[in-house]
Amino acid sequence: MSASFREVDIRRTLLGGSPISEGPYHIVITNRDHERWKLTSRYWEITDAHGLTQTVEGEGVVGEQPLIHPGTSFEYTSGVPLKTPCGMMTGHYIMLCSNGEQAKIGIPLFSLDSPFDKRQAN
């Protein structure tokens, strides 16, 4: 299975001066295989600046279970609530191929640092 991440672009904003930050991220998933793949579920580990980790898992992403055809991409933007201005996130997707094969696609650790925090911890 060669469906792979092409790009992980992270953009951060603060919500109305609240101490809780919303860590938006944008992901593009490109199917480099000759089969169709469906993103069936996700698993995230989100760690804030205090080292507190929360786990998020469930069906699909942003309310969808996209079917990604060969040579095409699916992209989405989402976010995670953080009680600190910086954090890290990693996880995986479970993908199901049109031929019945299942694959776990790892997502490398990436930073959720706020552009407004001068410390830039990650």
C-alpha atoms as a PDB file:
ATOM      1  CA  MET A   1       0.000   0.000   0.000  1.00  0.00           C
ATOM      2  CA  SER A   2       1.543   3.264  -1.008  1.00  0.00           C
ATOM      3  CA  ALA A   3      -1.144   5.790  -0.102  1.00  0.00           C
ATOM      4  CA  SER A   4       0.972   8.401   1.638  1.00  0.00           C
ATOM      5  CA  PHE A   5       0.982  11.817   3.199  1.00  0.00           C
ATOM      6  CA  ARG A   6       2.148  14.399   0.812  1.00  0.00           C
ATOM      7  CA  GLU A   7       2.136  17.328   3.152  1.00  0.00           C
ATOM      8  CA  VAL A   8       1.275  18.306   6.704  1.00  0.00           C
ATOM      9  CA  ASP A   9       0.837  22.065   6.984  1.00  0.00           C
ATOM     10  CA  ILE A  10       0.253  23.443  10.483  1.00  0.00           C
ATOM     11  CA  ARG A  11      -1.338  26.808  11.114  1.00  0.00           C
ATOM     12  CA  ARG A  12      -2.128  28.095  14.610  1.00  0.00           C
ATOM     13  CA  THR A  13      -4.545  30.729  15.882  1.00  0.00           C
ATOM     14  CA  LEU A  14      -5.824  31.734  19.312  1.00  0.00           C
ATOM     15  CA  LEU A  15      -9.546  31.773  20.054  1.00  0.00           C
ATOM     16  CA  GLY A  16     -10.704  35.148  21.340  1.00  0.00           C
ATOM     17  CA  GLY A  17      -7.880  35.624  23.837  1.00  0.00           C
ATOM     18  CA  SER A  18      -8.862  32.444  25.656  1.00  0.00           C
ATOM     19  CA  PRO A  19      -6.114  30.513  27.462  1.00  0.00           C
ATOM     20  CA  ILE A  20      -7.250  27.519  25.414  1.00  0.00           C
ATOM     21  CA  SER A  21      -5.734  27.423  21.958  1.00  0.00           C
ATOM     22  CA  GLU A  22      -7.217  25.751  18.927  1.00  0.00           C
ATOM     23  CA  GLY A  23      -4.458  23.935  17.088  1.00  0.00           C
ATOM     24  CA  PRO A  24      -5.560  23.856  13.456  1.00  0.00           C
ATOM     25  CA  TYR A  25      -3.737  21.627  11.032  1.00  0.00           C
ATOM     26  CA  HIS A  26      -4.169  20.849   7.362  1.00  0.00           C
ATOM     27  CA  ILE A  27      -3.469  17.404   5.886  1.00  0.00           C
ATOM     28  CA  VAL A  28      -3.320  16.212   2.298  1.00  0.00           C
ATOM     29  CA  ILE A  29      -3.489  12.424   1.755  1.00  0.00           C
ATOM     30  CA  THR A  30      -2.394  11.297  -1.703  1.00  0.00           C
ATOM     31  CA  ASN A  31      -3.133   7.794  -3.000  1.00  0.00           C
ATOM     32  CA  ARG A  32      -0.079   6.635  -4.954  1.00  0.00           C
ATOM     33  CA  ASP A  33      -1.453   3.103  -5.326  1.00  0.00           C
ATOM     34  CA  HIS A  34      -3.390   1.593  -8.247  1.00  0.00           C
ATOM     35  CA  GLU A  35      -6.339   0.653  -5.956  1.00  0.00           C
ATOM     36  CA  ARG A  36      -9.001   2.782  -4.236  1.00  0.00           C
ATOM     37  CA  TRP A  37      -8.509   3.309  -0.502  1.00  0.00           C
ATOM     38  CA  LYS A  38     -11.079   4.378   2.086  1.00  0.00           C
ATOM     39  CA  LEU A  39     -10.023   6.182   5.264  1.00  0.00           C
ATOM     40  CA  THR A  40     -12.095   4.350   7.887  1.00  0.00           C
ATOM     41  CA  SER A  41     -10.718   5.613  11.209  1.00  0.00           C
ATOM     42  CA  ARG A  42      -8.172   7.824  12.937  1.00  0.00           C
ATOM     43  CA  TYR A  43      -6.115   7.721  16.125  1.00  0.00           C
ATOM     44  CA  TRP A  44      -4.327  10.757  17.598  1.00  0.00           C
ATOM     45  CA  GLU A  45      -2.083  11.313  20.610  1.00  0.00           C
ATOM     46  CA  ILE A  46      -2.002  15.018  21.494  1.00  0.00           C
ATOM     47  CA  THR A  47       0.503  16.235  24.093  1.00  0.00           C
ATOM     48  CA  ASP A  48       0.437  19.750  25.547  1.00  0.00           C
ATOM     49  CA  ALA A  49       3.342  21.808  26.948  1.00  0.00           C
ATOM     50  CA  HIS A  50       2.844  20.263  30.406  1.00  0.00           C
ATOM     51  CA  GLY A  51       3.311  16.762  29.018  1.00  0.00           C
ATOM     52  CA  LEU A  52      -0.364  15.860  29.424  1.00  0.00           C
ATOM     53  CA  THR A  53      -1.459  13.534  26.637  1.00  0.00           C
ATOM     54  CA  GLN A  54      -4.986  13.019  25.385  1.00  0.00           C
ATOM     55  CA  THR A  55      -6.037  10.310  22.959  1.00  0.00           C
ATOM     56  CA  VAL A  56      -8.633  10.899  20.257  1.00  0.00           C
ATOM     57  CA  GLU A  57      -9.953   8.103  18.056  1.00  0.00           C
ATOM     58  CA  GLY A  58     -12.989   7.486  15.933  1.00  0.00           C
ATOM     59  CA  GLU A  59     -14.444   6.891  12.508  1.00  0.00           C
ATOM     60  CA  GLY A  60     -13.093   8.836   9.550  1.00  0.00           C
ATOM     61  CA  VAL A  61     -12.003  12.465   9.667  1.00  0.00           C
ATOM     62  CA  VAL A  62     -14.110  15.641   9.858  1.00  0.00           C
ATOM     63  CA  GLY A  63     -17.308  13.589   9.628  1.00  0.00           C
ATOM     64  CA  GLU A  64     -16.249  11.742   6.476  1.00  0.00           C
ATOM     65  CA  GLN A  65     -14.821   8.379   5.478  1.00  0.00           C
ATOM     66  CA  PRO A  66     -13.331   9.497   2.170  1.00  0.00           C
ATOM     67  CA  LEU A  67     -12.740   7.118  -0.719  1.00  0.00           C
ATOM     68  CA  ILE A  68      -9.457   8.127  -2.352  1.00  0.00           C
ATOM     69  CA  HIS A  69      -9.033   6.999  -5.955  1.00  0.00           C
ATOM     70  CA  PRO A  70      -5.635   6.211  -7.524  1.00  0.00           C
ATOM     71  CA  GLY A  71      -3.639   9.346  -8.245  1.00  0.00           C
ATOM     72  CA  THR A  72      -6.020  11.623  -6.326  1.00  0.00           C
ATOM     73  CA  SER A  73      -5.855  13.364  -2.969  1.00  0.00           C
ATOM     74  CA  PHE A  74      -8.149  14.104  -0.062  1.00  0.00           C
ATOM     75  CA  GLU A  75      -7.454  17.128   2.080  1.00  0.00           C
ATOM     76  CA  TYR A  76      -8.994  18.528   5.214  1.00  0.00           C
ATOM     77  CA  THR A  77      -8.456  21.047   7.974  1.00  0.00           C
ATOM     78  CA  SER A  78      -9.265  20.327  11.590  1.00  0.00           C
ATOM     79  CA  GLY A  79      -8.086  21.390  15.026  1.00  0.00           C
ATOM     80  CA  VAL A  80      -7.433  20.261  18.560  1.00  0.00           C
ATOM     81  CA  PRO A  81      -8.148  22.168  21.798  1.00  0.00           C
ATOM     82  CA  LEU A  82      -4.999  22.858  23.824  1.00  0.00           C
ATOM     83  CA  LYS A  83      -4.755  24.440  27.282  1.00  0.00           C
ATOM     84  CA  THR A  84      -1.222  25.568  26.487  1.00  0.00           C
ATOM     85  CA  PRO A  85       0.135  27.640  23.584  1.00  0.00           C
ATOM     86  CA  CYS A  86       2.163  24.727  22.258  1.00  0.00           C
ATOM     87  CA  GLY A  87       1.956  20.975  21.879  1.00  0.00           C
ATOM     88  CA  MET A  88       2.735  17.987  19.692  1.00  0.00           C
ATOM     89  CA  MET A  89       0.556  15.500  17.827  1.00  0.00           C
ATOM     90  CA  THR A  90       1.061  12.093  16.215  1.00  0.00           C
ATOM     91  CA  GLY A  91      -1.159   9.205  15.208  1.00  0.00           C
ATOM     92  CA  HIS A  92      -2.370   7.019  12.387  1.00  0.00           C
ATOM     93  CA  TYR A  93      -5.189   6.311   9.974  1.00  0.00           C
ATOM     94  CA  ILE A  94      -6.722   2.921   9.239  1.00  0.00           C
ATOM     95  CA  MET A  95      -7.333   2.564   5.503  1.00  0.00           C
ATOM     96  CA  LEU A  96      -9.364  -0.114   3.693  1.00  0.00           C
ATOM     97  CA  CYS A  97      -8.508  -1.042   0.104  1.00  0.00           C
ATOM     98  CA  SER A  98     -11.084  -1.902  -2.542  1.00  0.00           C
ATOM     99  CA  ASN A  99      -9.462  -5.385  -2.676  1.00  0.00           C
ATOM    100  CA  GLY A 100     -10.155  -5.939   1.059  1.00  0.00           C
ATOM    101  CA  GLU A 101      -6.623  -5.231   2.317  1.00  0.00           C
ATOM    102  CA  GLN A 102      -6.331  -3.057   5.422  1.00  0.00           C
ATOM    103  CA  ALA A 103      -3.399  -0.747   6.222  1.00  0.00           C
ATOM    104  CA  LYS A 104      -2.298   1.417   9.139  1.00  0.00           C
ATOM    105  CA  ILE A 105      -0.794   4.695   7.882  1.00  0.00           C
ATOM    106  CA  GLY A 106       1.432   6.392  10.460  1.00  0.00           C
ATOM    107  CA  ILE A 107       1.441  10.155  10.889  1.00  0.00           C
ATOM    108  CA  PRO A 108       4.798  11.555  12.005  1.00  0.00           C
ATOM    109  CA  LEU A 109       4.976  13.723  15.122  1.00  0.00           C
ATOM    110  CA  PHE A 110       4.302  17.383  14.310  1.00  0.00           C
ATOM    111  CA  SER A 111       4.239  20.618  16.284  1.00  0.00           C
ATOM    112  CA  LEU A 112       1.125  22.528  17.306  1.00  0.00           C
ATOM    113  CA  ASP A 113       3.073  25.567  18.571  1.00  0.00           C
ATOM    114  CA  SER A 114       1.260  28.880  18.552  1.00  0.00           C
ATOM    115  CA  PRO A 115       2.825  31.501  16.283  1.00  0.00           C
ATOM    116  CA  PHE A 116       2.040  33.999  19.077  1.00  0.00           C
ATOM    117  CA  ASP A 117       4.244  32.219  21.654  1.00  0.00           C
ATOM    118  CA  LYS A 118       7.811  33.492  21.317  1.00  0.00           C
ATOM    119  CA  ARG A 119       9.242  30.379  23.016  1.00  0.00           C
ATOM    120  CA  GLN A 120       8.363  28.003  20.128  1.00  0.00           C
ATOM    121  CA  ALA A 121       8.963  24.899  22.241  1.00  0.00           C
ATOM    122  CA  ASN A 122       8.569  22.345  19.449  1.00  0.00           C
END
